[in-house]
Full PDB file with SEQRES, HELIX, SHEET, SSBOND, CRYST1, ORIGX, SCALE, CONECT and MASTER records, all heavy atoms in Angstrom:
SEQRES   1 A   30  ALA VAL CYS VAL PRO LEU ALA ARG ARG LEU ARG LEU GLY          
SEQRES   2 A   30  SER ILE LEU GLY TYR LEU ALA ALA GLY ALA ILE ILE GLY          
SEQRES   3 A   30  PRO TRP GLY LEU                                              
HELIX    1 AA1 CYS A    3  ARG A    9  1                                   7    
HELIX    2 AA2 SER A   14  ILE A   25  1                                  12    
CRYST1    1.000    1.000    1.000  90.00  90.00  90.00 P 1           1          
ORIGX1      1.000000  0.000000  0.000000        0.00000                         
ORIGX2      0.000000  1.000000  0.000000        0.00000                         
ORIGX3      0.000000  0.000000  1.000000        0.00000                         
SCALE1      1.000000  0.000000  0.000000        0.00000                         
SCALE2      0.000000  1.000000  0.000000        0.00000                         
SCALE3      0.000000  0.000000  1.000000        0.00000                         
ATOM      1  N   ALA A   1      75.023 217.118  -8.036  1.00  0.00           N  
ATOM      2  CA  ALA A   1      75.338 218.100  -6.989  1.00  0.00           C  
ATOM      3  C   ALA A   1      74.088 218.763  -6.435  1.00  0.00           C  
ATOM      4  O   ALA A   1      74.064 219.187  -5.272  1.00  0.00           O  
ATOM      5  CB  ALA A   1      76.292 219.156  -7.544  1.00  0.00           C  
ATOM      6  N   VAL A   2      73.037 218.868  -7.247  1.00  0.00           N  
ATOM      7  CA  VAL A   2      71.803 219.511  -6.796  1.00  0.00           C  
ATOM      8  C   VAL A   2      70.847 218.499  -6.166  1.00  0.00           C  
ATOM      9  O   VAL A   2      70.314 218.707  -5.065  1.00  0.00           O  
ATOM     10  CB  VAL A   2      71.110 220.238  -7.969  1.00  0.00           C  
ATOM     11  CG1 VAL A   2      69.738 220.754  -7.540  1.00  0.00           C  
ATOM     12  CG2 VAL A   2      71.969 221.384  -8.463  1.00  0.00           C  
ATOM     13  N   CYS A   3      70.623 217.387  -6.864  1.00  0.00           N  
ATOM     14  CA  CYS A   3      69.564 216.452  -6.451  1.00  0.00           C  
ATOM     15  C   CYS A   3      69.934 215.607  -5.235  1.00  0.00           C  
ATOM     16  O   CYS A   3      69.090 215.360  -4.369  1.00  0.00           O  
ATOM     17  CB  CYS A   3      69.197 215.536  -7.626  1.00  0.00           C  
ATOM     18  SG  CYS A   3      68.433 216.397  -9.007  1.00  0.00           S  
ATOM     19  N   VAL A   4      71.179 215.147  -5.157  1.00  0.00           N  
ATOM     20  CA  VAL A   4      71.552 214.244  -4.065  1.00  0.00           C  
ATOM     21  C   VAL A   4      71.533 214.944  -2.705  1.00  0.00           C  
ATOM     22  O   VAL A   4      70.914 214.441  -1.750  1.00  0.00           O  
ATOM     23  CB  VAL A   4      72.927 213.600  -4.342  1.00  0.00           C  
ATOM     24  CG1 VAL A   4      73.373 212.750  -3.151  1.00  0.00           C  
ATOM     25  CG2 VAL A   4      72.852 212.737  -5.597  1.00  0.00           C  
ATOM     26  N   PRO A   5      72.182 216.124  -2.543  1.00  0.00           N  
ATOM     27  CA  PRO A   5      72.063 216.802  -1.241  1.00  0.00           C  
ATOM     28  C   PRO A   5      70.625 217.146  -0.875  1.00  0.00           C  
ATOM     29  O   PRO A   5      70.248 217.071   0.301  1.00  0.00           O  
ATOM     30  CB  PRO A   5      72.907 218.077  -1.438  1.00  0.00           C  
ATOM     31  CG  PRO A   5      73.845 217.758  -2.543  1.00  0.00           C  
ATOM     32  CD  PRO A   5      73.095 216.850  -3.460  1.00  0.00           C  
ATOM     33  N   LEU A   6      69.815 217.511  -1.880  1.00  0.00           N  
ATOM     34  CA  LEU A   6      68.418 217.832  -1.605  1.00  0.00           C  
ATOM     35  C   LEU A   6      67.674 216.598  -1.109  1.00  0.00           C  
ATOM     36  O   LEU A   6      66.892 216.674  -0.147  1.00  0.00           O  
ATOM     37  CB  LEU A   6      67.754 218.378  -2.877  1.00  0.00           C  
ATOM     38  CG  LEU A   6      66.271 218.769  -2.752  1.00  0.00           C  
ATOM     39  CD1 LEU A   6      66.097 219.866  -1.703  1.00  0.00           C  
ATOM     40  CD2 LEU A   6      65.718 219.215  -4.096  1.00  0.00           C  
ATOM     41  N   ALA A   7      67.911 215.453  -1.752  1.00  0.00           N  
ATOM     42  CA  ALA A   7      67.247 214.213  -1.334  1.00  0.00           C  
ATOM     43  C   ALA A   7      67.674 213.815   0.075  1.00  0.00           C  
ATOM     44  O   ALA A   7      66.857 213.371   0.881  1.00  0.00           O  
ATOM     45  CB  ALA A   7      67.555 213.095  -2.327  1.00  0.00           C  
ATOM     46  N   ARG A   8      68.950 213.975   0.371  1.00  0.00           N  
ATOM     47  CA  ARG A   8      69.421 213.624   1.711  1.00  0.00           C  
ATOM     48  C   ARG A   8      68.864 214.577   2.758  1.00  0.00           C  
ATOM     49  O   ARG A   8      68.558 214.166   3.886  1.00  0.00           O  
ATOM     50  CB  ARG A   8      70.952 213.636   1.748  1.00  0.00           C  
ATOM     51  CG  ARG A   8      71.586 212.510   0.938  1.00  0.00           C  
ATOM     52  CD  ARG A   8      73.101 212.537   1.057  1.00  0.00           C  
ATOM     53  NE  ARG A   8      73.516 212.163   2.391  1.00  0.00           N  
ATOM     54  CZ  ARG A   8      73.763 210.912   2.786  1.00  0.00           C  
ATOM     55  NH1 ARG A   8      73.626 209.924   1.935  1.00  0.00           N  
ATOM     56  NH2 ARG A   8      74.146 210.655   4.016  1.00  0.00           N  
ATOM     57  N   ARG A   9      68.719 215.835   2.389  1.00  0.00           N  
ATOM     58  CA  ARG A   9      68.149 216.797   3.330  1.00  0.00           C  
ATOM     59  C   ARG A   9      66.693 216.476   3.629  1.00  0.00           C  
ATOM     60  O   ARG A   9      66.198 216.690   4.747  1.00  0.00           O  
ATOM     61  CB  ARG A   9      68.261 218.216   2.761  1.00  0.00           C  
ATOM     62  CG  ARG A   9      67.851 219.302   3.747  1.00  0.00           C  
ATOM     63  CD  ARG A   9      68.194 220.679   3.234  1.00  0.00           C  
ATOM     64  NE  ARG A   9      67.876 221.710   4.201  1.00  0.00           N  
ATOM     65  CZ  ARG A   9      68.664 222.067   5.205  1.00  0.00           C  
ATOM     66  NH1 ARG A   9      69.827 221.463   5.375  1.00  0.00           N  
ATOM     67  NH2 ARG A   9      68.307 223.018   6.050  1.00  0.00           N  
ATOM     68  N   LEU A  10      65.989 215.942   2.614  1.00  0.00           N  
ATOM     69  CA  LEU A  10      64.591 215.529   2.789  1.00  0.00           C  
ATOM     70  C   LEU A  10      64.480 214.127   3.376  1.00  0.00           C  
ATOM     71  O   LEU A  10      63.387 213.573   3.464  1.00  0.00           O  
ATOM     72  CB  LEU A  10      63.860 215.588   1.442  1.00  0.00           C  
ATOM     73  CG  LEU A  10      63.727 216.979   0.806  1.00  0.00           C  
ATOM     74  CD1 LEU A  10      63.111 216.863  -0.586  1.00  0.00           C  
ATOM     75  CD2 LEU A  10      62.878 217.889   1.690  1.00  0.00           C  
ATOM     76  N   ARG A  11      65.637 213.525   3.714  1.00  0.00           N  
ATOM     77  CA  ARG A  11      65.709 212.182   4.314  1.00  0.00           C  
ATOM     78  C   ARG A  11      65.155 211.115   3.374  1.00  0.00           C  
ATOM     79  O   ARG A  11      64.534 210.134   3.810  1.00  0.00           O  
ATOM     80  CB  ARG A  11      64.967 212.141   5.651  1.00  0.00           C  
ATOM     81  CG  ARG A  11      65.582 213.068   6.693  1.00  0.00           C  
ATOM     82  CD  ARG A  11      64.914 212.917   8.050  1.00  0.00           C  
ATOM     83  NE  ARG A  11      65.547 213.773   9.037  1.00  0.00           N  
ATOM     84  CZ  ARG A  11      65.171 213.845  10.312  1.00  0.00           C  
ATOM     85  NH1 ARG A  11      64.159 213.091  10.747  1.00  0.00           N  
ATOM     86  NH2 ARG A  11      65.784 214.646  11.153  1.00  0.00           N  
ATOM     87  N   LEU A  12      65.396 211.292   2.079  1.00  0.00           N  
ATOM     88  CA  LEU A  12      64.968 210.312   1.081  1.00  0.00           C  
ATOM     89  C   LEU A  12      66.109 209.380   0.682  1.00  0.00           C  
ATOM     90  O   LEU A  12      65.881 208.407  -0.021  1.00  0.00           O  
ATOM     91  CB  LEU A  12      64.426 211.027  -0.164  1.00  0.00           C  
ATOM     92  CG  LEU A  12      63.204 211.918   0.049  1.00  0.00           C  
ATOM     93  CD1 LEU A  12      62.840 212.638  -1.238  1.00  0.00           C  
ATOM     94  CD2 LEU A  12      62.022 211.094   0.555  1.00  0.00           C  
ATOM     95  N   GLY A  13      67.326 209.679   1.097  1.00  0.00           N  
ATOM     96  CA  GLY A  13      68.475 208.861   0.747  1.00  0.00           C  
ATOM     97  C   GLY A  13      69.112 209.308  -0.556  1.00  0.00           C  
ATOM     98  O   GLY A  13      68.472 209.907  -1.423  1.00  0.00           O  
ATOM     99  N   SER A  14      70.391 209.008  -0.709  1.00  0.00           N  
ATOM    100  CA  SER A  14      71.128 209.452  -1.895  1.00  0.00           C  
ATOM    101  C   SER A  14      70.696 208.716  -3.155  1.00  0.00           C  
ATOM    102  O   SER A  14      70.790 209.264  -4.259  1.00  0.00           O  
ATOM    103  CB  SER A  14      72.631 209.265  -1.668  1.00  0.00           C  
ATOM    104  OG  SER A  14      72.936 207.911  -1.441  1.00  0.00           O  
ATOM    105  N   ILE A  15      70.217 207.477  -3.023  1.00  0.00           N  
ATOM    106  CA  ILE A  15      69.842 206.699  -4.207  1.00  0.00           C  
ATOM    107  C   ILE A  15      68.708 207.381  -4.964  1.00  0.00           C  
ATOM    108  O   ILE A  15      68.763 207.546  -6.196  1.00  0.00           O  
ATOM    109  CB  ILE A  15      69.440 205.263  -3.809  1.00  0.00           C  
ATOM    110  CG1 ILE A  15      70.636 204.537  -3.202  1.00  0.00           C  
ATOM    111  CG2 ILE A  15      68.936 204.497  -5.033  1.00  0.00           C  
ATOM    112  CD1 ILE A  15      70.319 203.151  -2.715  1.00  0.00           C  
ATOM    113  N   LEU A  16      67.675 207.796  -4.252  1.00  0.00           N  
ATOM    114  CA  LEU A  16      66.566 208.495  -4.912  1.00  0.00           C  
ATOM    115  C   LEU A  16      67.041 209.808  -5.527  1.00  0.00           C  
ATOM    116  O   LEU A  16      66.530 210.234  -6.570  1.00  0.00           O  
ATOM    117  CB  LEU A  16      65.435 208.754  -3.920  1.00  0.00           C  
ATOM    118  CG  LEU A  16      64.454 207.605  -3.690  1.00  0.00           C  
ATOM    119  CD1 LEU A  16      63.387 208.014  -2.699  1.00  0.00           C  
ATOM    120  CD2 LEU A  16      63.818 207.150  -4.990  1.00  0.00           C  
ATOM    121  N   GLY A  17      68.023 210.448  -4.902  1.00  0.00           N  
ATOM    122  CA  GLY A  17      68.582 211.668  -5.467  1.00  0.00           C  
ATOM    123  C   GLY A  17      69.241 211.409  -6.807  1.00  0.00           C  
ATOM    124  O   GLY A  17      69.043 212.157  -7.775  1.00  0.00           O  
ATOM    125  N   TYR A  18      70.022 210.328  -6.887  1.00  0.00           N  
ATOM    126  CA  TYR A  18      70.663 209.982  -8.156  1.00  0.00           C  
ATOM    127  C   TYR A  18      69.624 209.596  -9.212  1.00  0.00           C  
ATOM    128  O   TYR A  18      69.762 209.956 -10.393  1.00  0.00           O  
ATOM    129  CB  TYR A  18      71.640 208.824  -7.952  1.00  0.00           C  
ATOM    130  CG  TYR A  18      72.950 209.220  -7.313  1.00  0.00           C  
ATOM    131  CD1 TYR A  18      73.335 208.695  -6.082  1.00  0.00           C  
ATOM    132  CD2 TYR A  18      73.810 210.107  -7.950  1.00  0.00           C  
ATOM    133  CE1 TYR A  18      74.549 209.049  -5.508  1.00  0.00           C  
ATOM    134  CE2 TYR A  18      75.019 210.466  -7.380  1.00  0.00           C  
ATOM    135  CZ  TYR A  18      75.385 209.927  -6.148  1.00  0.00           C  
ATOM    136  OH  TYR A  18      76.579 210.298  -5.588  1.00  0.00           O  
ATOM    137  N   LEU A  19      68.599 208.839  -8.807  1.00  0.00           N  
ATOM    138  CA  LEU A  19      67.552 208.446  -9.753  1.00  0.00           C  
ATOM    139  C   LEU A  19      66.843 209.681 -10.316  1.00  0.00           C  
ATOM    140  O   LEU A  19      66.593 209.776 -11.526  1.00  0.00           O  
ATOM    141  CB  LEU A  19      66.539 207.526  -9.066  1.00  0.00           C  
ATOM    142  CG  LEU A  19      67.027 206.121  -8.694  1.00  0.00           C  
ATOM    143  CD1 LEU A  19      65.975 205.407  -7.857  1.00  0.00           C  
ATOM    144  CD2 LEU A  19      67.353 205.311  -9.926  1.00  0.00           C  
ATOM    145  N   ALA A  20      66.521 210.625  -9.441  1.00  0.00           N  
ATOM    146  CA  ALA A  20      65.854 211.847  -9.880  1.00  0.00           C  
ATOM    147  C   ALA A  20      66.761 212.659 -10.799  1.00  0.00           C  
ATOM    148  O   ALA A  20      66.301 213.206 -11.823  1.00  0.00           O  
ATOM    149  CB  ALA A  20      65.443 212.685  -8.674  1.00  0.00           C  
ATOM    150  N   ALA A  21      68.054 212.717 -10.461  1.00  0.00           N  
ATOM    151  CA  ALA A  21      68.997 213.454 -11.306  1.00  0.00           C  
ATOM    152  C   ALA A  21      69.059 212.853 -12.701  1.00  0.00           C  
ATOM    153  O   ALA A  21      69.046 213.574 -13.712  1.00  0.00           O  
ATOM    154  CB  ALA A  21      70.385 213.450 -10.659  1.00  0.00           C  
ATOM    155  N   GLY A  22      69.113 211.524 -12.787  1.00  0.00           N  
ATOM    156  CA  GLY A  22      69.138 210.863 -14.088  1.00  0.00           C  
ATOM    157  C   GLY A  22      67.878 211.105 -14.887  1.00  0.00           C  
ATOM    158  O   GLY A  22      67.926 211.350 -16.102  1.00  0.00           O  
ATOM    159  N   ALA A  23      66.735 211.057 -14.218  1.00  0.00           N  
ATOM    160  CA  ALA A  23      65.464 211.283 -14.917  1.00  0.00           C  
ATOM    161  C   ALA A  23      65.370 212.710 -15.449  1.00  0.00           C  
ATOM    162  O   ALA A  23      64.838 212.948 -16.542  1.00  0.00           O  
ATOM    163  CB  ALA A  23      64.300 210.985 -13.973  1.00  0.00           C  
ATOM    164  N   ILE A  24      65.902 213.669 -14.703  1.00  0.00           N  
ATOM    165  CA  ILE A  24      65.800 215.079 -15.112  1.00  0.00           C  
ATOM    166  C   ILE A  24      66.638 215.369 -16.349  1.00  0.00           C  
ATOM    167  O   ILE A  24      66.194 216.046 -17.278  1.00  0.00           O  
ATOM    168  CB  ILE A  24      66.223 215.992 -13.940  1.00  0.00           C  
ATOM    169  CG1 ILE A  24      65.163 215.937 -12.826  1.00  0.00           C  
ATOM    170  CG2 ILE A  24      66.406 217.437 -14.407  1.00  0.00           C  
ATOM    171  CD1 ILE A  24      65.583 216.631 -11.551  1.00  0.00           C  
ATOM    172  N   ILE A  25      67.865 214.844 -16.405  1.00  0.00           N  
ATOM    173  CA  ILE A  25      68.741 215.175 -17.531  1.00  0.00           C  
ATOM    174  C   ILE A  25      68.677 214.149 -18.651  1.00  0.00           C  
ATOM    175  O   ILE A  25      69.321 214.324 -19.688  1.00  0.00           O  
ATOM    176  CB  ILE A  25      70.204 215.316 -17.060  1.00  0.00           C  
ATOM    177  CG1 ILE A  25      70.737 213.974 -16.540  1.00  0.00           C  
ATOM    178  CG2 ILE A  25      70.322 216.399 -16.012  1.00  0.00           C  
ATOM    179  CD1 ILE A  25      72.204 214.010 -16.169  1.00  0.00           C  
ATOM    180  N   GLY A  26      67.920 213.060 -18.443  1.00  0.00           N  
ATOM    181  CA  GLY A  26      67.852 211.991 -19.424  1.00  0.00           C  
ATOM    182  C   GLY A  26      66.985 212.308 -20.624  1.00  0.00           C  
ATOM    183  O   GLY A  26      66.457 213.423 -20.768  1.00  0.00           O  
ATOM    184  N   PRO A  27      66.791 211.295 -21.504  1.00  0.00           N  
ATOM    185  CA  PRO A  27      66.034 211.502 -22.743  1.00  0.00           C  
ATOM    186  C   PRO A  27      64.611 211.982 -22.517  1.00  0.00           C  
ATOM    187  O   PRO A  27      64.054 212.697 -23.362  1.00  0.00           O  
ATOM    188  CB  PRO A  27      66.052 210.113 -23.394  1.00  0.00           C  
ATOM    189  CG  PRO A  27      67.226 209.422 -22.797  1.00  0.00           C  
ATOM    190  CD  PRO A  27      67.342 209.938 -21.402  1.00  0.00           C  
ATOM    191  N   TRP A  28      63.989 211.595 -21.402  1.00  0.00           N  
ATOM    192  CA  TRP A  28      62.595 211.970 -21.154  1.00  0.00           C  
ATOM    193  C   TRP A  28      62.483 213.184 -20.241  1.00  0.00           C  
ATOM    194  O   TRP A  28      61.392 213.596 -19.895  1.00  0.00           O  
ATOM    195  CB  TRP A  28      61.835 210.790 -20.563  1.00  0.00           C  
ATOM    196  CG  TRP A  28      61.755 209.649 -21.528  1.00  0.00           C  
ATOM    197  CD1 TRP A  28      62.562 208.563 -21.580  1.00  0.00           C  
ATOM    198  CD2 TRP A  28      60.839 209.527 -22.611  1.00  0.00           C  
ATOM    199  NE1 TRP A  28      62.220 207.743 -22.621  1.00  0.00           N  
ATOM    200  CE2 TRP A  28      61.143 208.318 -23.274  1.00  0.00           C  
ATOM    201  CE3 TRP A  28      59.786 210.308 -23.098  1.00  0.00           C  
ATOM    202  CZ2 TRP A  28      60.435 207.873 -24.385  1.00  0.00           C  
ATOM    203  CZ3 TRP A  28      59.081 209.864 -24.198  1.00  0.00           C  
ATOM    204  CH2 TRP A  28      59.408 208.668 -24.834  1.00  0.00           C  
ATOM    205  N   GLY A  29      63.639 213.751 -19.858  1.00  0.00           N  
ATOM    206  CA  GLY A  29      63.632 214.971 -19.071  1.00  0.00           C  
ATOM    207  C   GLY A  29      64.062 216.143 -19.926  1.00  0.00           C  
ATOM    208  O   GLY A  29      63.426 216.475 -20.926  1.00  0.00           O  
ATOM    209  N   LEU A  30      65.177 216.751 -19.548  1.00  0.00           N  
ATOM    210  CA  LEU A  30      65.688 217.890 -20.310  1.00  0.00           C  
ATOM    211  C   LEU A  30      66.410 217.472 -21.588  1.00  0.00           C  
ATOM    212  O   LEU A  30      66.725 218.321 -22.428  1.00  0.00           O  
ATOM    213  CB  LEU A  30      66.643 218.707 -19.428  1.00  0.00           C  
ATOM    214  CG  LEU A  30      66.029 219.305 -18.144  1.00  0.00           C  
ATOM    215  CD1 LEU A  30      67.099 220.012 -17.327  1.00  0.00           C  
ATOM    216  CD2 LEU A  30      64.892 220.264 -18.496  1.00  0.00           C  
TER     217      LEU A  30                                                      
MASTER        0    0    0    2    0    0    0    6  216    1    0    3          
END                                                                             
């Protein structure tokens, strides 16, 4: 909910938003 709208607003596309979201909450993130 946080990363995907932000990525789309920055015109990076939803895919990069999902990738960033996974990296943030994953084993190597939080």
